[in-house]
Protein backbone atom coordinates (compact mmCIF):
# COMPACT_ATOMS: atom_id res chain seq x y z
CA MET A 1 0.00 0.00 0.00
CA MET A 2 1.37 3.43 -0.95
CA LEU A 3 2.08 5.63 2.06
CA GLU A 4 0.39 9.01 2.20
CA LYS A 5 2.73 11.80 1.16
CA PRO A 6 4.18 13.48 4.25
CA VAL A 7 3.96 17.06 5.36
CA VAL A 8 7.49 18.33 4.73
CA VAL A 9 8.83 20.83 7.24
CA VAL A 10 11.86 22.73 5.95
CA GLY A 11 14.17 23.90 8.72
CA ALA A 12 14.72 22.62 12.26
CA GLY A 13 14.67 25.99 13.96
CA PHE A 14 12.20 26.42 16.80
CA GLY A 15 9.39 27.29 14.40
CA GLY A 16 9.95 24.13 12.37
CA LEU A 17 10.29 21.94 15.45
CA ALA A 18 7.09 23.34 16.95
CA ALA A 19 5.21 22.86 13.67
CA ALA A 20 6.40 19.25 13.44
CA ILE A 21 5.31 18.45 17.00
CA HIS A 22 1.88 20.05 16.59
CA LEU A 23 1.31 18.34 13.24
CA ALA A 24 2.44 14.91 14.45
CA SER A 25 0.24 15.16 17.52
CA ALA A 26 -2.68 15.97 15.18
CA GLY A 27 -2.08 12.74 13.27
CA GLU A 28 -0.03 14.00 10.33
CA ARG A 29 2.93 12.12 8.88
CA VAL A 30 5.84 14.57 9.11
CA LEU A 31 9.29 14.68 7.51
CA LEU A 32 11.61 17.46 8.69
CA LEU A 33 14.57 18.51 6.50
CA GLU A 34 17.46 20.56 7.90
CA ARG A 35 20.48 21.82 5.94
CA GLN A 36 22.75 21.87 8.99
CA ALA A 37 23.92 18.87 11.01
CA TYR A 38 22.15 20.16 14.14
CA PRO A 39 18.72 21.52 15.13
CA GLY A 40 17.92 24.92 16.59
CA GLY A 41 18.59 27.34 13.75
CA LYS A 42 20.11 30.45 15.33
CA ALA A 43 20.44 28.56 18.63
CA ARG A 44 23.68 26.99 17.47
CA GLN A 45 26.89 26.10 19.25
CA VAL A 46 30.25 27.55 18.20
CA PRO A 47 33.40 25.44 18.76
CA VAL A 48 36.07 27.63 20.35
CA GLY A 49 39.39 26.24 21.55
CA GLY A 50 37.98 22.87 22.58
CA ALA A 51 34.84 24.33 24.19
CA ARG A 52 31.37 24.70 22.71
CA ILE A 53 29.80 28.11 23.22
CA ASN A 54 26.14 28.85 22.54
CA GLY A 55 26.30 31.48 19.83
CA GLY A 56 22.64 32.46 19.47
CA PRO A 57 19.66 33.21 21.74
CA THR A 58 20.42 33.02 25.46
CA VAL A 59 17.12 34.03 27.10
CA LEU A 60 14.23 31.61 27.71
CA THR A 61 10.89 33.24 28.52
CA MET A 62 7.20 32.39 27.93
CA ARG A 63 7.84 28.85 29.11
CA TRP A 64 4.15 28.01 28.68
CA VAL A 65 4.87 27.70 24.96
CA PHE A 66 7.36 24.88 25.59
CA ASP A 67 5.36 23.28 28.39
CA ASP A 68 2.59 22.83 25.83
CA LEU A 69 4.95 21.42 23.18
CA LEU A 70 6.59 18.88 25.45
CA GLN A 71 3.30 17.85 27.04
CA LYS A 72 2.20 16.61 23.62
CA ALA A 73 5.00 14.04 23.82
CA GLY A 74 4.28 13.18 27.47
CA ASP A 75 7.27 15.11 28.81
CA THR A 76 7.99 18.23 30.88
CA LEU A 77 10.41 21.09 30.41
CA GLU A 78 12.21 20.25 33.65
CA ARG A 79 12.85 16.63 32.60
CA ALA A 80 13.58 17.36 28.96
CA ALA A 81 15.91 20.35 29.28
CA GLN A 82 16.75 20.71 33.00
CA VAL A 83 15.71 24.36 33.12
CA GLN A 84 16.61 26.47 36.13
CA ALA A 85 14.60 29.48 37.31
CA ALA A 86 16.56 32.72 37.54
CA ASP A 87 15.89 35.38 40.19
CA LEU A 88 18.31 37.90 38.65
CA LEU A 89 17.18 38.84 35.13
CA ALA A 90 20.21 40.88 34.10
CA ARG A 91 22.94 43.24 35.34
CA HIS A 92 23.21 46.64 33.65
CA VAL A 93 26.37 48.73 33.70
CA TRP A 94 27.23 52.32 32.72
CA ASN A 95 30.72 53.69 32.32
CA ALA A 96 29.84 56.64 34.56
CA GLY A 97 29.96 54.13 37.41
CA GLY A 98 27.71 51.70 39.25
CA TYR A 99 25.41 48.99 38.01
CA LEU A 100 21.76 48.05 38.37
CA ASP A 101 20.29 44.58 38.72
CA LEU A 102 16.76 43.76 37.60
CA PHE A 103 14.90 40.86 39.19
CA GLU A 104 11.93 38.71 38.36
CA GLU A 105 10.11 40.15 41.39
CA PRO A 106 9.14 43.79 40.59
CA SER A 107 9.38 44.93 44.22
CA LYS A 108 13.04 43.87 44.35
CA SER A 109 13.74 45.71 41.11
CA ALA A 110 11.94 48.82 42.40
CA ALA A 111 14.10 48.80 45.54
CA ALA A 112 17.22 48.43 43.41
CA ILE A 113 16.12 51.31 41.15
CA GLU A 114 15.43 53.55 44.15
CA SER A 115 18.94 52.88 45.45
CA PHE A 116 20.50 53.36 42.01
CA SER A 117 18.45 56.43 41.03
CA ASP A 118 15.63 57.80 43.21
CA VAL A 119 12.07 57.27 44.46
CA GLU A 120 10.46 58.93 41.44
CA ASN A 121 12.07 56.45 39.03
CA ALA A 122 11.24 53.51 41.32
CA GLU A 123 7.58 54.53 41.36
CA GLY A 124 7.72 55.02 37.60
CA TYR A 125 9.02 51.48 37.26
CA LEU A 126 6.06 50.02 39.15
CA ARG A 127 3.65 51.96 36.91
CA PHE A 128 5.60 50.71 33.90
CA CYS A 129 5.23 47.12 35.15
CA ALA A 130 1.46 47.48 35.52
CA ASP A 131 1.04 49.06 32.09
CA SER A 132 3.29 46.50 30.34
CA ALA A 133 1.28 43.68 31.93
CA ASP A 134 -1.92 45.26 30.60
CA VAL A 135 -0.45 45.51 27.08
CA PHE A 136 0.64 41.87 27.13
CA GLU A 137 -2.72 40.58 28.36
CA ARG A 138 -4.54 42.55 25.66
CA LEU A 139 -2.35 41.09 22.92
CA LYS A 140 -1.67 37.53 24.12
CA THR A 141 -4.79 35.89 22.68
CA THR A 142 -5.61 38.55 20.07
CA PHE A 143 -2.22 38.84 18.35
CA ILE A 144 0.69 36.89 19.88
CA ASP A 145 -0.99 33.48 20.06
CA ALA A 146 -3.45 34.05 17.22
CA GLN A 147 -3.50 34.18 13.44
CA ARG A 148 -2.14 37.46 12.11
CA PRO A 149 -4.80 40.19 12.09
CA GLY A 150 -4.84 43.53 10.36
CA PRO A 151 -5.31 46.70 12.44
CA PHE A 152 -9.11 46.62 12.05
CA GLU A 153 -9.34 42.94 12.93
CA LEU A 154 -7.10 43.40 15.97
CA THR A 155 -9.36 46.20 17.20
CA ARG A 156 -12.38 43.95 16.68
CA ARG A 157 -10.76 41.12 18.66
CA MET A 158 -9.95 43.44 21.55
CA GLY A 159 -13.40 45.04 21.43
CA PHE A 160 -14.54 48.15 19.55
CA GLY A 161 -16.21 49.43 22.70
CA ASP A 162 -12.98 49.59 24.70
CA LEU A 163 -11.31 52.49 22.88
CA SER A 164 -9.55 53.88 25.95
CA GLY A 165 -8.24 50.44 26.83
CA ASN A 166 -7.00 49.78 23.30
CA LEU A 167 -5.17 53.10 23.24
CA LYS A 168 -3.11 51.84 26.19
CA LEU A 169 -1.15 49.88 23.58
CA ARG A 170 0.30 53.27 22.54
CA PRO A 171 0.99 52.20 18.95
CA PHE A 172 1.48 55.79 17.74
CA SER A 173 4.18 56.65 20.28
CA THR A 174 7.75 55.44 20.08
CA LEU A 175 9.04 53.29 22.90
CA TRP A 176 11.69 55.89 23.75
CA LYS A 177 9.13 58.69 24.04
CA ALA A 178 6.80 56.57 26.17
CA LEU A 179 9.62 55.62 28.52
CA GLY A 180 10.04 59.32 29.34
CA ASP A 181 6.64 59.18 31.05
CA TYR A 182 8.01 56.65 33.54
CA PHE A 183 11.74 57.36 33.86
CA PRO A 184 13.24 60.85 34.22
CA ASP A 185 16.62 59.07 34.54
CA LYS A 186 18.00 58.68 31.01
CA ARG A 187 19.96 55.58 32.04
CA LEU A 188 16.70 53.77 32.79
CA ARG A 189 15.29 54.80 29.43
CA GLN A 190 18.37 53.17 27.91
CA LEU A 191 17.79 50.01 29.92
CA PHE A 192 14.12 49.56 29.03
CA GLY A 193 14.57 50.91 25.52
CA ARG A 194 16.74 47.87 24.90
CA TYR A 195 13.56 45.79 24.71
CA ALA A 196 13.11 47.08 21.14
CA THR A 197 16.30 45.25 20.20
CA TYR A 198 14.61 41.96 21.14
CA CYS A 199 12.67 42.55 17.90
CA GLY A 200 15.77 43.79 16.08
CA SER A 201 14.53 47.38 16.15
CA SER A 202 15.41 50.84 17.41
CA PRO A 203 13.72 52.15 20.57
CA PHE A 204 13.64 55.56 18.88
CA GLU A 205 11.41 54.24 16.06
CA ALA A 206 9.68 51.11 17.45
CA PRO A 207 6.17 51.49 18.90
CA ALA A 208 5.67 51.77 22.65
CA THR A 209 3.64 48.54 22.43
CA LEU A 210 6.95 46.70 22.81
CA MET A 211 6.92 47.58 26.51
CA LEU A 212 5.12 44.22 26.83
CA VAL A 213 8.59 42.60 26.82
CA ALA A 214 9.05 43.87 30.38
CA HIS A 215 6.07 41.81 31.52
CA VAL A 216 7.30 38.74 29.64
CA GLU A 217 10.57 38.89 31.61
CA GLN A 218 8.80 39.46 34.92
CA CYS A 219 6.81 36.28 34.30
CA GLY A 220 10.08 34.40 34.59
CA GLY A 221 13.40 33.81 32.89
CA TRP A 222 14.99 30.37 32.82
CA ARG A 223 18.50 29.09 32.17
CA LEU A 224 19.62 25.81 30.69
CA PRO A 225 22.91 24.10 31.58
CA GLY A 226 23.35 23.19 27.92
CA GLY A 227 22.14 26.55 26.62
CA MET A 228 19.28 27.12 24.20
CA SER A 229 20.68 24.53 21.79
CA SER A 230 19.85 21.87 24.38
CA LEU A 231 16.20 22.93 24.23
CA ALA A 232 16.23 22.33 20.48
CA VAL A 233 17.64 18.83 21.07
CA ALA A 234 14.88 18.17 23.63
CA LEU A 235 12.25 19.18 21.05
CA VAL A 236 13.81 16.84 18.47
CA ARG A 237 13.44 13.97 20.94
CA ALA A 238 9.81 14.96 21.58
CA ALA A 239 9.09 15.10 17.85
CA GLN A 240 10.73 11.72 17.24
CA LYS A 241 8.62 10.22 20.03
CA LEU A 242 5.56 11.39 18.10
CA GLY A 243 6.83 9.78 14.91
CA VAL A 244 8.49 12.71 13.11
CA THR A 245 11.33 11.68 10.78
CA PHE A 246 14.41 13.91 10.53
CA GLN A 247 16.95 14.29 7.75
CA PHE A 248 19.86 16.54 8.68
CA GLU A 249 22.48 17.88 6.27
CA THR A 250 19.74 18.00 3.65
CA GLU A 251 19.39 21.23 1.68
CA ILE A 252 16.45 22.02 -0.57
CA ASP A 253 16.98 23.72 -3.91
CA ARG A 254 13.40 24.28 -5.04
CA ILE A 255 9.75 24.02 -4.06
CA ASP A 256 7.72 22.56 -6.93
CA ILE A 257 4.21 23.83 -7.63
CA ALA A 258 1.76 22.17 -9.99
CA GLY A 259 -1.99 22.38 -10.39
CA GLY A 260 -2.03 25.53 -8.29
CA ARG A 261 -0.53 24.01 -5.11
CA VAL A 262 2.76 22.73 -3.72
CA GLN A 263 3.73 19.25 -4.85
CA ALA A 264 7.31 18.49 -3.81
CA VAL A 265 10.70 19.76 -2.69
CA ARG A 266 13.78 19.29 -4.85
CA LEU A 267 16.98 18.67 -2.93
CA ALA A 268 20.30 20.27 -3.77
CA GLY A 269 21.53 16.88 -4.99
CA GLY A 270 18.63 16.58 -7.44
CA ASP A 271 16.37 14.15 -5.55
CA GLN A 272 12.66 14.90 -5.25
CA ILE A 273 10.50 14.44 -2.15
CA ASP A 274 6.74 14.54 -2.75
CA ALA A 275 4.81 16.48 -0.14
CA SER A 276 1.16 16.80 0.80
CA SER A 277 1.95 20.25 2.24
CA ILE A 278 5.07 22.21 3.14
CA VAL A 279 5.90 24.30 6.20
CA PHE A 280 8.82 26.57 5.36
CA ASN A 281 10.81 27.56 8.45
CA GLY A 282 13.43 29.82 6.93
CA ASP A 283 13.79 33.52 6.28
CA VAL A 284 10.83 34.50 4.11
CA SER A 285 13.20 36.42 1.83
CA ALA A 286 14.56 33.07 0.60
CA LEU A 287 11.22 32.01 -0.92
CA PRO A 288 11.45 33.76 -4.31
CA ALA A 289 14.59 31.78 -5.19
CA LEU A 290 13.04 28.52 -3.99
CA LEU A 291 9.81 29.03 -5.91
CA ARG A 292 11.51 29.67 -9.25
CA PRO A 293 10.47 29.59 -12.03
CA ASP A 294 6.84 29.56 -10.87
CA ASN A 295 5.02 32.90 -10.93
CA SER A 296 4.00 32.28 -7.33
CA ALA A 297 7.31 33.87 -6.39
CA ARG A 298 5.74 37.29 -6.95
CA SER A 299 3.73 36.76 -3.76
CA PHE A 300 6.98 37.32 -1.90
CA SER A 301 9.75 39.84 -2.20
CA PRO A 302 13.09 39.90 -0.37
CA LEU A 303 13.47 42.60 2.26
CA THR A 304 15.52 45.60 1.28
CA GLN A 305 18.31 46.60 3.65
CA GLN A 306 16.12 49.50 4.81
CA GLU A 307 13.38 47.05 5.83
CA ARG A 308 15.62 44.59 7.66
CA SER A 309 16.03 44.28 11.40
CA LEU A 310 19.31 44.37 13.27
CA SER A 311 22.16 42.00 12.61
CA ALA A 312 25.05 41.58 15.03
CA VAL A 313 28.73 41.01 15.48
CA THR A 314 29.34 38.33 18.09
CA PHE A 315 32.53 37.31 19.84
CA ALA A 316 32.48 33.77 21.24
CA MET A 317 35.48 33.35 23.48
CA ASN A 318 37.13 31.47 26.28
CA GLY A 319 38.19 34.34 28.49
CA LYS A 320 39.15 35.18 32.04
CA PRO A 321 37.02 38.11 33.21
CA THR A 322 38.44 39.99 36.21
CA ASP A 323 37.67 42.98 38.44
CA PHE A 324 33.91 43.00 37.79
CA PRO A 325 31.12 40.68 39.02
CA LEU A 326 29.66 39.43 35.75
CA ALA A 327 26.18 37.92 35.95
CA TYR A 328 24.84 35.33 33.52
CA HIS A 329 23.39 38.27 31.54
CA THR A 330 25.28 41.59 31.68
CA VAL A 331 24.79 44.67 29.51
CA PHE A 332 27.45 47.38 29.17
CA PHE A 333 25.82 50.56 27.86
CA ALA A 334 27.52 53.07 25.60
CA SER A 335 27.07 56.76 26.35
CA ASP A 336 25.51 57.83 23.03
CA TYR A 337 22.60 55.40 22.72
CA GLN A 338 20.80 57.10 19.85
CA ASP A 339 23.92 57.15 17.70
CA GLU A 340 24.08 53.35 17.89
CA PHE A 341 20.75 53.06 16.12
CA ASP A 342 21.26 56.01 13.78
CA ALA A 343 24.48 54.33 12.64
CA VAL A 344 22.81 50.98 11.93
CA PHE A 345 19.49 52.09 10.46
CA ARG A 346 20.38 55.42 8.85
CA ARG A 347 24.07 55.25 7.99
CA GLY A 348 24.37 51.46 7.51
CA THR A 349 27.48 51.26 9.69
CA MET A 350 28.42 50.24 13.21
CA SER A 351 28.62 52.84 15.93
CA PRO A 352 32.09 52.94 17.50
CA GLY A 353 31.87 51.78 21.10
CA GLY A 354 28.29 50.50 20.89
CA THR A 355 26.49 48.75 23.75
CA VAL A 356 27.86 45.27 24.51
CA TYR A 357 25.78 42.34 25.78
CA VAL A 358 27.69 39.53 27.50
CA CYS A 359 26.40 36.06 28.37
CA ALA A 360 28.71 34.37 30.87
CA GLN A 361 27.51 30.86 30.15
CA ASP A 362 29.19 29.11 33.08
CA ARG A 363 27.55 31.42 35.63
CA LEU A 364 24.11 29.82 35.78
CA ASP A 365 23.76 31.05 39.39
CA ASP A 366 25.38 34.43 38.52
CA GLN A 367 28.59 33.42 40.29
CA ALA A 368 31.98 32.61 38.81
CA PRO A 369 32.52 28.83 38.71
CA ALA A 370 34.65 27.54 41.58
CA GLY A 371 38.30 27.42 40.61
CA ALA A 372 37.49 28.95 37.24
CA GLY A 373 40.20 29.86 34.86
CA LYS A 374 38.78 30.69 31.50
CA GLU A 375 35.02 30.93 31.08
CA ARG A 376 32.74 30.60 28.06
CA LEU A 377 31.57 34.06 27.04
CA LEU A 378 29.40 35.36 24.22
CA CYS A 379 29.60 39.08 23.48
CA LEU A 380 27.15 40.74 21.08
CA VAL A 381 27.12 44.19 19.46
CA ASN A 382 24.37 45.45 17.12
CA ALA A 383 25.27 45.75 13.44
CA PRO A 384 23.52 46.57 10.13
CA ALA A 385 22.02 43.68 8.16
CA ALA A 386 24.29 44.18 5.15
CA GLY A 387 25.84 40.72 5.04
CA ASP A 388 24.94 40.30 1.38
CA ARG A 389 27.16 43.33 0.69
CA ASN A 390 30.02 41.95 2.82
CA LEU A 391 29.52 44.73 5.33
CA PRO A 392 30.78 45.50 7.89
CA ASP A 393 34.23 44.52 6.64
CA GLN A 394 36.95 42.74 8.61
CA GLN A 395 38.61 45.99 9.60
CA GLU A 396 35.35 47.33 11.03
CA VAL A 397 34.74 44.09 12.94
CA ALA A 398 38.27 44.21 14.39
CA SER A 399 37.65 47.81 15.42
CA CYS A 400 34.38 46.73 17.03
CA LEU A 401 36.19 44.15 19.16
CA LYS A 402 38.74 46.75 20.27
CA THR A 403 36.16 49.39 21.22
CA SER A 404 33.97 46.78 22.94
CA ILE A 405 36.88 45.66 25.12
CA GLU A 406 37.65 49.31 25.92
CA LEU A 407 34.01 50.04 26.86
CA MET A 408 33.94 47.07 29.24
CA GLU A 409 37.25 48.19 30.74
CA ARG A 410 35.82 51.67 31.41
CA CYS A 411 32.93 49.92 33.17
CA GLY A 412 35.37 47.93 35.32
CA LEU A 413 35.64 44.59 33.50
CA ASN A 414 39.06 43.49 32.32
CA LEU A 415 39.05 40.97 29.52
CA ASP A 416 42.05 40.19 27.33
CA PRO A 417 40.98 37.46 24.91
CA ASP A 418 43.54 35.21 23.28
CA PRO A 419 43.01 35.22 19.48
CA ALA A 420 43.29 31.41 19.59
CA ASP A 421 40.31 31.34 21.96
CA LEU A 422 38.09 33.71 19.99
CA VAL A 423 35.61 33.18 17.12
CA THR A 424 33.94 36.18 15.49
CA THR A 425 30.62 35.99 13.62
CA GLY A 426 29.25 38.93 11.67
CA PRO A 427 26.44 39.82 9.25
CA THR A 428 28.20 38.12 6.32
CA ASP A 429 28.42 34.88 8.29
CA PHE A 430 24.77 35.13 9.37
CA HIS A 431 23.74 35.77 5.76
CA ARG A 432 25.53 32.56 4.78
CA LEU A 433 23.95 30.61 7.64
CA PHE A 434 20.46 31.99 6.93
CA PRO A 435 20.19 32.49 3.15
CA ALA A 436 18.72 35.68 1.68
CA SER A 437 18.50 37.32 5.13
CA GLY A 438 21.37 39.75 4.64
CA GLY A 439 22.31 38.74 8.16
CA ALA A 440 19.10 40.17 9.69
CA LEU A 441 18.48 38.12 12.84
CA TYR A 442 14.87 39.14 13.43
CA GLY A 443 13.28 39.35 9.97
CA PRO A 444 11.78 42.78 9.19
CA LYS A 445 12.28 45.62 11.65
CA THR A 446 9.29 46.71 13.77
CA HIS A 447 9.23 50.46 13.23
CA GLY A 448 6.10 52.58 13.23
CA TRP A 449 2.59 51.59 14.25
CA MET A 450 2.19 49.26 11.26
CA GLY A 451 5.49 47.45 11.82
CA ALA A 452 3.99 44.41 13.55
CA PHE A 453 1.44 43.96 10.74
CA ASN A 454 4.08 43.90 8.00
CA ARG A 455 5.24 40.36 8.74
CA ALA A 456 4.08 37.56 6.49
CA ALA A 457 1.15 35.49 7.73
CA ASN A 458 1.54 31.79 8.54
CA ARG A 459 -0.78 30.80 5.68
CA THR A 460 0.34 31.87 2.20
CA GLU A 461 -1.64 32.48 -0.97
CA ILE A 462 -0.15 29.28 -2.39
CA PRO A 463 -2.30 26.30 -1.34
CA GLY A 464 -0.30 23.86 0.76
CA LEU A 465 2.51 26.31 1.65
CA TYR A 466 2.76 27.59 5.23
CA LEU A 467 5.36 29.75 6.98
CA ALA A 468 7.06 29.55 10.36
CA GLY A 469 10.08 31.20 11.95
CA GLY A 470 11.20 34.53 13.36
CA SER A 471 10.74 36.42 10.09
CA VAL A 472 6.95 35.85 10.03
CA HIS A 473 4.03 36.37 12.41
CA PRO A 474 4.00 36.69 15.41
CA GLY A 475 7.67 37.76 15.48
CA PRO A 476 11.24 36.96 16.45
CA GLY A 477 12.64 35.28 19.54
CA VAL A 478 12.60 31.63 20.55
CA PRO A 479 9.07 31.47 22.05
CA MET A 480 7.56 33.62 19.30
CA ALA A 481 9.19 31.48 16.60
CA ALA A 482 7.77 28.38 18.30
CA LEU A 483 4.33 30.01 18.31
CA SER A 484 4.70 30.69 14.57
CA GLY A 485 5.14 26.93 14.07
CA LYS A 486 2.03 26.24 16.11
CA LEU A 487 0.01 28.78 14.09
CA ALA A 488 1.28 27.36 10.78
CA ALA A 489 0.30 23.85 11.91
CA GLU A 490 -3.17 25.05 12.92
CA CYS A 491 -3.69 26.59 9.47
CA LEU A 492 -2.56 23.39 7.75
CA VAL A 493 -4.80 21.11 9.80
CA LEU A 494 -7.76 23.41 9.33
CA ASP A 495 -7.21 23.59 5.58
CA ARG A 496 -6.89 19.83 5.34
CA GLY A 497 -10.23 19.52 7.09
CA SER A 498 -8.63 17.12 9.55
CA MET A 499 -11.23 15.74 11.95
CA ARG A 500 -9.21 12.80 13.27
CA ARG A 501 -9.84 12.09 16.90
CA PHE A 502 -6.86 9.77 17.24
CA ARG A 503 -3.28 10.22 16.12
CA ARG A 504 -2.18 7.86 13.41
CA GLY A 505 0.08 5.11 14.71
CA GLY A 506 3.61 4.79 13.48
CA ILE A 507 7.10 3.71 14.28
CA PHE A 508 8.55 6.10 16.82
CA GLY A 509 12.05 7.43 16.31
CA GLY A 510 13.33 8.62 12.99
CA MET A 511 16.86 8.33 11.71
CA SER A 512 19.10 11.35 11.26
CA THR A 513 20.70 10.88 7.87
CA ALA A 514 23.05 12.80 5.63
């Protein structure tokens, strides 16, 4: 008997993994293809001097997304990935002196802010917490965990009669301007303005709606001994338990369309895999090349550099930090914050001495490991998404490393990395890892009140083709990408008219093959 053609998921990032799990639990036969030898997409590990350093996302929030995924395979997040709750969210440092810790518990953060700044800013923080919680609750089931709406549909979902409540989203104000209503202290506007960068955007142009990130963090941040890549491995195991088959080191060259719908994927080696439907979990800008020569490609257009989100230059290193108490997450702020974003988004360059984020990956409890010599560190600086133009060049990246080290030294941290223990990744490398992206790590930027509506929906105009990943709705970041996979799977099952009450049986497992 001929087997039913599988749903083919392209890409084992968190969106693809989530789509595979949701589809398999709904009774679909699923084949997942991944061009790399590992899962996780941007949550990759970088080999550095005998160590393996997580070179992508480092923050786990919205754990309910992953609780739901793993529950479908009869597992829990604690068992599958050994997550650890974190009381300290991040340490923030300014070269003028002193640092500020933020905690999961708002009252602890307010006390820290009062000591660091004053009572007015501490009270402003508590108002900010309440307002960000309200924004998140209004958008959780109407936008974040829902099919992409337009502005009118979003207003309908939230209720036409609640105009004053809907205006609390503050879509027509920039995040930076809104933060001035809570924080007279410019340093605190820097700190909370950084939430725009979680969407690869500028706080000076992103909507104030992004204040919801504050509430997401206050709902809990978790750390994983193996880093975020270990969560991807846990999701692979869950998917295999549900019967999903994986093929790693398998690159697709084309998506075939016939009779008005998707039919198959063509592999780079020339083989063809027939598909009942396809979930594409890659940068949406890559679709025109994959859909050639079909006219369906006109439904998509690659992002211009002006439309792209932030890229980054990262330094993965084995280093010996001294003279400053690094936490697991530490941010070293530059003095001219606006110039950082003007440089990237207006001048297409890197700002000299830009803000540096450091993840000290061996400090899960925010303490230096006992008897530690060198530690695994990931440093990240914002950069323009011009990787397809080979920008920034090697000289600019080398200058970035030098000015980053100098900024951290002015803040009190001494770090003298050995070139043999250092691996640099820039926009050109990210463009190669994630084709057609230009190195943009978050898809399109979220600037202006329409920014969040400009992302592609999870259902395309091409029957049988669905989209997942950080470049499409609902947005970037590990939990949001996973939600995109869930939403794509929901569209697929609905369109297939699936009414199965029981999941189809199958052989659990799945072989990873070249």
